[in-house]
Amino acid sequence: MSAPDSYRRPESIAQLREVTQPPEVRQRRNAEHWTAHLYLRRISPYLTWALLKTRISANGVTAFMILSGWLAAASLLIPGIGGAALAVVFGQVQMLFDCCDGEVARWRHSSSPAGHFLDAVGHYTTETFIAIVLGLRAASWPFDAPSDYLWTTLGFALALVLVLNKALNDLTRVARAYAGLPRLGNEEADAAPQHRLIALARRAVKFFPFHRMFHSVELTLVTFVVAVLALFTGTPATERVYLVVLMAFAILGLIGHFVAIISSRRLRS
């Protein structure tokens, strides 16, 4: 008995790329991470090829993505440069699975709201957990209570700010849906602020895109660099300064993101 069409295997990597990496995927303005553009989309078809030989669903691949992200955060509980290096590895693995789950879904025609939901859960929880663990690292985990509560509290506060920032995009989509407006595309004009000063500030931020450092990949990479610096400057002081700087940038990014949305066409009919 032959396998269902959704479980047929690709005949070549080239065919797999053609089906699972169409231009509308590779050219997405926001949804495609720079690591995917740079190298992960070159690697992912080979892992997707192997996954398609199994019965694992696209949502099952997303579960691996979520687990990899959680392991990246958990790795940071290991003090020093070792935990930071391991977090970088799991951060890359998470993004690789993040490429593959969509490729499996496109090949098997199995994209679903559940898949998009699980994908969002993976990114939300990973970045939240990383922020919390950065607070634990700053408190020299295992920490002493109550003297180190300042740093653990700052880690939880950073996690809250990051979640609020990510939620703004979802709130924008919800607001448009309630207003009966169509889904936004990837056009730059829709995201461009209408006020001159805000547009100028947005262009300035492009020269120093600090708001992008709060993705799990960037967080793990920057944390690794900080761990290397801490070898020379000492811990936990270096990681505490790092956490304070992250918090300042996160608040600035949240405010800027809110203002950019309000001043753009995204909430206008």
C-alpha atoms as a PDB file:
ATOM      1  CA  MET A   1       0.000   0.000   0.000  1.00  0.00           C
ATOM      2  CA  SER A   2       1.500   3.338  -1.031  1.00  0.00           C
ATOM      3  CA  ALA A   3       2.067   6.162   1.392  1.00  0.00           C
ATOM      4  CA  PRO A   4      -0.343   9.126   1.393  1.00  0.00           C
ATOM      5  CA  ASP A   5       0.659  11.971  -0.930  1.00  0.00           C
ATOM      6  CA  SER A   6       1.417  14.197   2.069  1.00  0.00           C
ATOM      7  CA  TYR A   7       4.064  11.671   3.128  1.00  0.00           C
ATOM      8  CA  ARG A   8       5.747  11.287  -0.265  1.00  0.00           C
ATOM      9  CA  ARG A   9       9.458  11.978  -0.218  1.00  0.00           C
ATOM     10  CA  PRO A  10      11.253  14.556  -2.348  1.00  0.00           C
ATOM     11  CA  GLU A  11      13.288  13.280  -5.262  1.00  0.00           C
ATOM     12  CA  SER A  12      16.156  15.693  -4.677  1.00  0.00           C
ATOM     13  CA  ILE A  13      17.346  18.521  -2.441  1.00  0.00           C
ATOM     14  CA  ALA A  14      16.760  20.888  -5.353  1.00  0.00           C
ATOM     15  CA  GLN A  15      13.113  19.854  -5.557  1.00  0.00           C
ATOM     16  CA  LEU A  16      12.777  20.174  -1.784  1.00  0.00           C
ATOM     17  CA  ARG A  17      14.207  23.699  -1.889  1.00  0.00           C
ATOM     18  CA  GLU A  18      11.868  24.692  -4.723  1.00  0.00           C
ATOM     19  CA  VAL A  19       8.773  23.595  -2.805  1.00  0.00           C
ATOM     20  CA  THR A  20       9.728  24.563   0.745  1.00  0.00           C
ATOM     21  CA  GLN A  21      11.760  27.728   0.148  1.00  0.00           C
ATOM     22  CA  PRO A  22       9.724  29.758  -2.356  1.00  0.00           C
ATOM     23  CA  PRO A  23      10.597  33.437  -2.919  1.00  0.00           C
ATOM     24  CA  GLU A  24       7.747  34.618  -0.678  1.00  0.00           C
ATOM     25  CA  VAL A  25       9.431  32.781   2.209  1.00  0.00           C
ATOM     26  CA  ARG A  26      13.024  33.805   1.486  1.00  0.00           C
ATOM     27  CA  GLN A  27      12.097  37.451   0.876  1.00  0.00           C
ATOM     28  CA  ARG A  28       9.962  38.065   3.939  1.00  0.00           C
ATOM     29  CA  ARG A  29      10.846  41.417   5.509  1.00  0.00           C
ATOM     30  CA  ASN A  30      10.404  40.459   9.176  1.00  0.00           C
ATOM     31  CA  ALA A  31       9.654  36.756   9.500  1.00  0.00           C
ATOM     32  CA  GLU A  32      12.983  35.507   8.157  1.00  0.00           C
ATOM     33  CA  HIS A  33      15.863  35.768  10.628  1.00  0.00           C
ATOM     34  CA  TRP A  34      19.282  36.900   9.376  1.00  0.00           C
ATOM     35  CA  THR A  35      20.804  33.528  10.288  1.00  0.00           C
ATOM     36  CA  ALA A  36      18.335  31.885   7.910  1.00  0.00           C
ATOM     37  CA  HIS A  37      19.321  34.256   5.106  1.00  0.00           C
ATOM     38  CA  LEU A  38      23.014  33.815   5.798  1.00  0.00           C
ATOM     39  CA  TYR A  39      23.410  30.066   6.253  1.00  0.00           C
ATOM     40  CA  LEU A  40      20.572  28.125   7.919  1.00  0.00           C
ATOM     41  CA  ARG A  41      18.392  27.920   4.778  1.00  0.00           C
ATOM     42  CA  ARG A  42      21.353  26.294   3.052  1.00  0.00           C
ATOM     43  CA  ILE A  43      21.569  23.635   5.767  1.00  0.00           C
ATOM     44  CA  SER A  44      17.925  23.126   6.683  1.00  0.00           C
ATOM     45  CA  PRO A  45      16.844  21.125   3.567  1.00  0.00           C
ATOM     46  CA  TYR A  46      19.223  18.333   4.541  1.00  0.00           C
ATOM     47  CA  LEU A  47      17.674  18.038   8.003  1.00  0.00           C
ATOM     48  CA  THR A  48      14.200  18.422   6.510  1.00  0.00           C
ATOM     49  CA  TRP A  49      15.037  15.597   4.066  1.00  0.00           C
ATOM     50  CA  ALA A  50      15.825  13.348   7.043  1.00  0.00           C
ATOM     51  CA  LEU A  51      12.707  14.435   8.933  1.00  0.00           C
ATOM     52  CA  LEU A  52      10.504  13.668   5.925  1.00  0.00           C
ATOM     53  CA  LYS A  53      11.677  10.063   6.104  1.00  0.00           C
ATOM     54  CA  THR A  54       9.884   9.808   9.449  1.00  0.00           C
ATOM     55  CA  ARG A  55       6.259  10.186  10.488  1.00  0.00           C
ATOM     56  CA  ILE A  56       7.005  13.244  12.608  1.00  0.00           C
ATOM     57  CA  SER A  57       4.639  16.117  11.910  1.00  0.00           C
ATOM     58  CA  ALA A  58       5.537  19.753  11.392  1.00  0.00           C
ATOM     59  CA  ASN A  59       4.196  20.450  14.886  1.00  0.00           C
ATOM     60  CA  GLY A  60       6.460  17.716  16.193  1.00  0.00           C
ATOM     61  CA  VAL A  61       9.424  19.517  14.628  1.00  0.00           C
ATOM     62  CA  THR A  62       8.224  22.722  16.288  1.00  0.00           C
ATOM     63  CA  ALA A  63       8.279  20.859  19.604  1.00  0.00           C
ATOM     64  CA  PHE A  64      11.975  20.170  18.991  1.00  0.00           C
ATOM     65  CA  MET A  65      12.413  23.883  18.288  1.00  0.00           C
ATOM     66  CA  ILE A  66      10.776  24.769  21.597  1.00  0.00           C
ATOM     67  CA  LEU A  67      12.871  22.236  23.507  1.00  0.00           C
ATOM     68  CA  SER A  68      16.086  23.536  21.912  1.00  0.00           C
ATOM     69  CA  GLY A  69      15.224  27.066  23.001  1.00  0.00           C
ATOM     70  CA  TRP A  70      14.530  25.960  26.557  1.00  0.00           C
ATOM     71  CA  LEU A  71      17.841  24.104  26.606  1.00  0.00           C
ATOM     72  CA  ALA A  72      19.585  27.295  25.468  1.00  0.00           C
ATOM     73  CA  ALA A  73      18.138  29.112  28.468  1.00  0.00           C
ATOM     74  CA  ALA A  74      18.908  26.229  30.831  1.00  0.00           C
ATOM     75  CA  SER A  75      22.503  26.112  29.594  1.00  0.00           C
ATOM     76  CA  LEU A  76      23.054  29.602  30.958  1.00  0.00           C
ATOM     77  CA  LEU A  77      22.567  28.194  34.452  1.00  0.00           C
ATOM     78  CA  ILE A  78      26.048  26.714  34.007  1.00  0.00           C
ATOM     79  CA  PRO A  79      28.380  29.457  35.262  1.00  0.00           C
ATOM     80  CA  GLY A  80      31.056  31.016  33.128  1.00  0.00           C
ATOM     81  CA  ILE A  81      31.891  30.687  29.475  1.00  0.00           C
ATOM     82  CA  GLY A  82      30.949  26.990  29.234  1.00  0.00           C
ATOM     83  CA  GLY A  83      27.249  27.583  29.789  1.00  0.00           C
ATOM     84  CA  ALA A  84      27.266  30.595  27.474  1.00  0.00           C
ATOM     85  CA  ALA A  85      28.929  28.573  24.683  1.00  0.00           C
ATOM     86  CA  LEU A  86      26.408  25.756  25.081  1.00  0.00           C
ATOM     87  CA  ALA A  87      23.573  28.297  24.917  1.00  0.00           C
ATOM     88  CA  VAL A  88      24.924  29.568  21.579  1.00  0.00           C
ATOM     89  CA  VAL A  89      24.856  26.023  20.195  1.00  0.00           C
ATOM     90  CA  PHE A  90      21.269  25.386  21.313  1.00  0.00           C
ATOM     91  CA  GLY A  91      20.252  28.823  20.033  1.00  0.00           C
ATOM     92  CA  GLN A  92      21.490  27.867  16.565  1.00  0.00           C
ATOM     93  CA  VAL A  93      19.788  24.467  16.782  1.00  0.00           C
ATOM     94  CA  GLN A  94      16.532  26.167  17.704  1.00  0.00           C
ATOM     95  CA  MET A  95      16.681  28.367  14.619  1.00  0.00           C
ATOM     96  CA  LEU A  96      17.534  25.373  12.439  1.00  0.00           C
ATOM     97  CA  PHE A  97      14.433  23.537  13.647  1.00  0.00           C
ATOM     98  CA  ASP A  98      12.507  26.801  13.182  1.00  0.00           C
ATOM     99  CA  CYS A  99      13.415  26.641   9.489  1.00  0.00           C
ATOM    100  CA  CYS A 100      12.635  22.943   9.217  1.00  0.00           C
ATOM    101  CA  ASP A 101       9.163  22.951  10.786  1.00  0.00           C
ATOM    102  CA  GLY A 102       7.906  25.330   8.110  1.00  0.00           C
ATOM    103  CA  GLU A 103       9.614  23.320   5.384  1.00  0.00           C
ATOM    104  CA  VAL A 104       7.994  20.098   6.589  1.00  0.00           C
ATOM    105  CA  ALA A 105       4.617  21.856   6.742  1.00  0.00           C
ATOM    106  CA  ARG A 106       4.970  23.268   3.213  1.00  0.00           C
ATOM    107  CA  TRP A 107       6.069  19.935   1.750  1.00  0.00           C
ATOM    108  CA  ARG A 108       3.230  18.022   3.428  1.00  0.00           C
ATOM    109  CA  HIS A 109       0.666  20.821   3.010  1.00  0.00           C
ATOM    110  CA  SER A 110       0.025  20.677   6.736  1.00  0.00           C
ATOM    111  CA  SER A 111       0.313  24.305   7.837  1.00  0.00           C
ATOM    112  CA  SER A 112      -2.171  25.047  10.595  1.00  0.00           C
ATOM    113  CA  PRO A 113      -3.090  27.657  13.216  1.00  0.00           C
ATOM    114  CA  ALA A 114      -1.752  25.250  15.841  1.00  0.00           C
ATOM    115  CA  GLY A 115       1.652  25.328  14.153  1.00  0.00           C
ATOM    116  CA  HIS A 116       1.796  29.119  14.164  1.00  0.00           C
ATOM    117  CA  PHE A 117       0.659  29.131  17.794  1.00  0.00           C
ATOM    118  CA  LEU A 118       3.331  26.659  18.858  1.00  0.00           C
ATOM    119  CA  ASP A 119       5.984  28.602  16.956  1.00  0.00           C
ATOM    120  CA  ALA A 120       5.056  31.763  18.847  1.00  0.00           C
ATOM    121  CA  VAL A 121       5.074  29.862  22.142  1.00  0.00           C
ATOM    122  CA  GLY A 122       8.596  28.675  21.371  1.00  0.00           C
ATOM    123  CA  HIS A 123       9.960  32.163  20.783  1.00  0.00           C
ATOM    124  CA  TYR A 124       8.042  33.836  23.597  1.00  0.00           C
ATOM    125  CA  THR A 125       9.063  31.289  26.217  1.00  0.00           C
ATOM    126  CA  THR A 126      12.687  30.978  25.096  1.00  0.00           C
ATOM    127  CA  GLU A 127      13.394  34.691  25.262  1.00  0.00           C
ATOM    128  CA  THR A 128      11.503  34.953  28.548  1.00  0.00           C
ATOM    129  CA  PHE A 129      13.492  32.112  30.111  1.00  0.00           C
ATOM    130  CA  ILE A 130      16.804  33.520  28.859  1.00  0.00           C
ATOM    131  CA  ALA A 131      16.052  36.891  30.478  1.00  0.00           C
ATOM    132  CA  ILE A 132      15.148  35.212  33.771  1.00  0.00           C
ATOM    133  CA  VAL A 133      18.312  33.092  33.734  1.00  0.00           C
ATOM    134  CA  LEU A 134      20.433  36.172  32.979  1.00  0.00           C
ATOM    135  CA  GLY A 135      19.127  37.532  36.270  1.00  0.00           C
ATOM    136  CA  LEU A 136      20.226  34.324  37.985  1.00  0.00           C
ATOM    137  CA  ARG A 137      23.680  34.569  36.387  1.00  0.00           C
ATOM    138  CA  ALA A 138      23.999  38.172  37.550  1.00  0.00           C
ATOM    139  CA  ALA A 139      23.110  36.984  41.053  1.00  0.00           C
ATOM    140  CA  SER A 140      25.954  34.414  40.853  1.00  0.00           C
ATOM    141  CA  TRP A 141      23.702  31.374  40.674  1.00  0.00           C
ATOM    142  CA  PRO A 142      23.207  29.604  43.058  1.00  0.00           C
ATOM    143  CA  PHE A 143      22.440  32.913  44.741  1.00  0.00           C
ATOM    144  CA  ASP A 144      22.071  33.998  48.341  1.00  0.00           C
ATOM    145  CA  ALA A 145      18.689  35.276  49.491  1.00  0.00           C
ATOM    146  CA  PRO A 146      17.712  38.029  50.052  1.00  0.00           C
ATOM    147  CA  SER A 147      20.883  39.937  49.112  1.00  0.00           C
ATOM    148  CA  ASP A 148      20.744  38.868  45.453  1.00  0.00           C
ATOM    149  CA  TYR A 149      17.037  39.462  44.940  1.00  0.00           C
ATOM    150  CA  LEU A 150      17.805  42.727  43.143  1.00  0.00           C
ATOM    151  CA  TRP A 151      19.375  40.856  40.222  1.00  0.00           C
ATOM    152  CA  THR A 152      16.825  38.068  40.031  1.00  0.00           C
ATOM    153  CA  THR A 153      14.042  40.655  40.147  1.00  0.00           C
ATOM    154  CA  LEU A 154      15.734  42.604  37.355  1.00  0.00           C
ATOM    155  CA  GLY A 155      15.874  39.407  35.302  1.00  0.00           C
ATOM    156  CA  PHE A 156      12.138  38.851  35.739  1.00  0.00           C
ATOM    157  CA  ALA A 157      11.492  42.526  34.906  1.00  0.00           C
ATOM    158  CA  LEU A 158      13.533  42.176  31.718  1.00  0.00           C
ATOM    159  CA  ALA A 159      11.493  39.104  30.792  1.00  0.00           C
ATOM    160  CA  LEU A 160       8.273  41.074  31.288  1.00  0.00           C
ATOM    161  CA  VAL A 161       9.448  43.946  29.095  1.00  0.00           C
ATOM    162  CA  LEU A 162      10.521  41.526  26.342  1.00  0.00           C
ATOM    163  CA  VAL A 163       7.148  39.771  26.412  1.00  0.00           C
ATOM    164  CA  LEU A 164       5.298  43.091  26.248  1.00  0.00           C
ATOM    165  CA  ASN A 165       7.425  44.166  23.294  1.00  0.00           C
ATOM    166  CA  LYS A 166       6.719  40.954  21.382  1.00  0.00           C
ATOM    167  CA  ALA A 167       3.030  41.192  22.281  1.00  0.00           C
ATOM    168  CA  LEU A 168       2.710  44.574  20.571  1.00  0.00           C
ATOM    169  CA  ASN A 169       2.887  42.897  17.154  1.00  0.00           C
ATOM    170  CA  ASP A 170       0.205  40.402  18.158  1.00  0.00           C
ATOM    171  CA  LEU A 171      -1.960  43.188  19.607  1.00  0.00           C
ATOM    172  CA  THR A 172      -1.661  45.034  16.306  1.00  0.00           C
ATOM    173  CA  ARG A 173      -2.928  42.003  14.406  1.00  0.00           C
ATOM    174  CA  VAL A 174      -5.776  41.519  16.896  1.00  0.00           C
ATOM    175  CA  ALA A 175      -6.784  45.188  16.649  1.00  0.00           C
ATOM    176  CA  ARG A 176      -6.888  45.001  12.841  1.00  0.00           C
ATOM    177  CA  ALA A 177      -8.920  41.789  12.976  1.00  0.00           C
ATOM    178  CA  TYR A 178     -11.470  43.353  15.352  1.00  0.00           C
ATOM    179  CA  ALA A 179     -11.740  46.349  13.027  1.00  0.00           C
ATOM    180  CA  GLY A 180     -12.347  44.063  10.052  1.00  0.00           C
ATOM    181  CA  LEU A 181      -9.133  45.138   8.322  1.00  0.00           C
ATOM    182  CA  PRO A 182      -7.154  42.769   6.093  1.00  0.00           C
ATOM    183  CA  ARG A 183      -3.940  41.137   7.213  1.00  0.00           C
ATOM    184  CA  LEU A 184      -0.863  43.297   6.780  1.00  0.00           C
ATOM    185  CA  GLY A 185       1.733  42.301   4.244  1.00  0.00           C
ATOM    186  CA  ASN A 186       5.464  42.935   4.334  1.00  0.00           C
ATOM    187  CA  GLU A 187       5.391  46.322   2.655  1.00  0.00           C
ATOM    188  CA  GLU A 188       7.773  48.842   4.177  1.00  0.00           C
ATOM    189  CA  ALA A 189       5.213  51.627   3.663  1.00  0.00           C
ATOM    190  CA  ASP A 190       2.824  50.051   6.161  1.00  0.00           C
ATOM    191  CA  ALA A 191       5.452  50.051   8.916  1.00  0.00           C
ATOM    192  CA  ALA A 192       6.914  53.477   8.139  1.00  0.00           C
ATOM    193  CA  PRO A 193       5.997  56.162  10.722  1.00  0.00           C
ATOM    194  CA  GLN A 194       3.921  59.032   9.399  1.00  0.00           C
ATOM    195  CA  HIS A 195       5.476  61.633  11.704  1.00  0.00           C
ATOM    196  CA  ARG A 196       8.704  63.156  10.446  1.00  0.00           C
ATOM    197  CA  LEU A 197      10.687  63.093  13.704  1.00  0.00           C
ATOM    198  CA  ILE A 198       9.703  59.499  14.461  1.00  0.00           C
ATOM    199  CA  ALA A 199      10.648  58.455  10.932  1.00  0.00           C
ATOM    200  CA  LEU A 200      14.022  60.149  11.400  1.00  0.00           C
ATOM    201  CA  ALA A 201      14.557  58.333  14.698  1.00  0.00           C
ATOM    202  CA  ARG A 202      13.609  55.037  13.050  1.00  0.00           C
ATOM    203  CA  ARG A 203      16.198  55.560  10.324  1.00  0.00           C
ATOM    204  CA  ALA A 204      18.805  56.374  12.973  1.00  0.00           C
ATOM    205  CA  VAL A 205      18.043  53.129  14.808  1.00  0.00           C
ATOM    206  CA  LYS A 206      18.876  51.190  11.633  1.00  0.00           C
ATOM    207  CA  PHE A 207      22.515  52.176  12.122  1.00  0.00           C
ATOM    208  CA  PHE A 208      22.444  50.656  15.616  1.00  0.00           C
ATOM    209  CA  PRO A 209      19.610  48.081  15.649  1.00  0.00           C
ATOM    210  CA  PHE A 210      19.764  47.385  19.377  1.00  0.00           C
ATOM    211  CA  HIS A 211      16.157  46.197  19.369  1.00  0.00           C
ATOM    212  CA  ARG A 212      17.198  43.076  17.454  1.00  0.00           C
ATOM    213  CA  MET A 213      19.496  41.862  20.228  1.00  0.00           C
ATOM    214  CA  PHE A 214      16.539  40.475  22.174  1.00  0.00           C
ATOM    215  CA  HIS A 215      15.939  37.555  19.835  1.00  0.00           C
ATOM    216  CA  SER A 216      17.168  34.295  21.360  1.00  0.00           C
ATOM    217  CA  VAL A 217      20.030  33.972  18.837  1.00  0.00           C
ATOM    218  CA  GLU A 218      21.347  37.474  19.494  1.00  0.00           C
ATOM    219  CA  LEU A 219      20.856  37.113  23.249  1.00  0.00           C
ATOM    220  CA  THR A 220      22.932  33.941  23.362  1.00  0.00           C
ATOM    221  CA  LEU A 221      25.657  35.390  21.124  1.00  0.00           C
ATOM    222  CA  VAL A 222      25.950  38.628  23.104  1.00  0.00           C
ATOM    223  CA  THR A 223      25.856  36.704  26.376  1.00  0.00           C
ATOM    224  CA  PHE A 224      28.755  34.576  25.132  1.00  0.00           C
ATOM    225  CA  VAL A 225      30.753  37.720  24.298  1.00  0.00           C
ATOM    226  CA  VAL A 226      30.007  39.085  27.774  1.00  0.00           C
ATOM    227  CA  ALA A 227      31.134  35.772  29.309  1.00  0.00           C
ATOM    228  CA  VAL A 228      34.433  36.091  27.426  1.00  0.00           C
ATOM    229  CA  LEU A 229      34.865  39.659  28.677  1.00  0.00           C
ATOM    230  CA  ALA A 230      34.090  38.479  32.202  1.00  0.00           C
ATOM    231  CA  LEU A 231      37.172  36.243  32.056  1.00  0.00           C
ATOM    232  CA  PHE A 232      39.247  39.446  32.114  1.00  0.00           C
ATOM    233  CA  THR A 233      36.982  41.874  33.974  1.00  0.00           C
ATOM    234  CA  GLY A 234      35.606  39.503  36.583  1.00  0.00           C
ATOM    235  CA  THR A 235      32.199  38.148  37.492  1.00  0.00           C
ATOM    236  CA  PRO A 236      29.525  38.822  38.572  1.00  0.00           C
ATOM    237  CA  ALA A 237      30.144  42.539  38.089  1.00  0.00           C
ATOM    238  CA  THR A 238      30.370  42.261  34.288  1.00  0.00           C
ATOM    239  CA  GLU A 239      27.154  40.268  34.011  1.00  0.00           C
ATOM    240  CA  ARG A 240      25.384  42.712  36.318  1.00  0.00           C
ATOM    241  CA  VAL A 241      26.359  45.669  34.156  1.00  0.00           C
ATOM    242  CA  TYR A 242      25.249  43.653  31.119  1.00  0.00           C
ATOM    243  CA  LEU A 243      21.840  42.998  32.683  1.00  0.00           C
ATOM    244  CA  VAL A 244      21.326  46.683  33.516  1.00  0.00           C
ATOM    245  CA  VAL A 245      22.276  47.700  29.960  1.00  0.00           C
ATOM    246  CA  LEU A 246      19.894  45.083  28.534  1.00  0.00           C
ATOM    247  CA  MET A 247      17.089  46.414  30.710  1.00  0.00           C
ATOM    248  CA  ALA A 248      17.695  50.007  29.573  1.00  0.00           C
ATOM    249  CA  PHE A 249      17.734  49.008  25.908  1.00  0.00           C
ATOM    250  CA  ALA A 250      14.656  46.804  26.359  1.00  0.00           C
ATOM    251  CA  ILE A 251      12.627  49.669  27.855  1.00  0.00           C
ATOM    252  CA  LEU A 252      13.801  52.013  25.102  1.00  0.00           C
ATOM    253  CA  GLY A 253      12.906  49.393  22.500  1.00  0.00           C
ATOM    254  CA  LEU A 254       9.429  48.871  24.001  1.00  0.00           C
ATOM    255  CA  ILE A 255       8.655  52.587  23.982  1.00  0.00           C
ATOM    256  CA  GLY A 256      10.029  53.022  20.475  1.00  0.00           C
ATOM    257  CA  HIS A 257       8.088  50.020  19.175  1.00  0.00           C
ATOM    258  CA  PHE A 258       4.829  51.347  20.644  1.00  0.00           C
ATOM    259  CA  VAL A 259       5.361  54.820  19.184  1.00  0.00           C
ATOM    260  CA  ALA A 260       6.314  53.355  15.792  1.00  0.00           C
ATOM    261  CA  ILE A 261       3.111  51.291  15.637  1.00  0.00           C
ATOM    262  CA  ILE A 262       0.857  54.154  16.714  1.00  0.00           C
ATOM    263  CA  SER A 263       2.409  56.525  14.187  1.00  0.00           C
ATOM    264  CA  SER A 264       2.315  54.092  11.253  1.00  0.00           C
ATOM    265  CA  ARG A 265      -0.482  52.966   8.941  1.00  0.00           C
ATOM    266  CA  ARG A 266      -0.800  49.623  10.668  1.00  0.00           C
ATOM    267  CA  LEU A 267      -3.725  50.750  12.842  1.00  0.00           C
ATOM    268  CA  ARG A 268      -5.443  52.767  10.169  1.00  0.00           C
ATOM    269  CA  SER A 269      -8.137  51.629   7.774  1.00  0.00           C
END
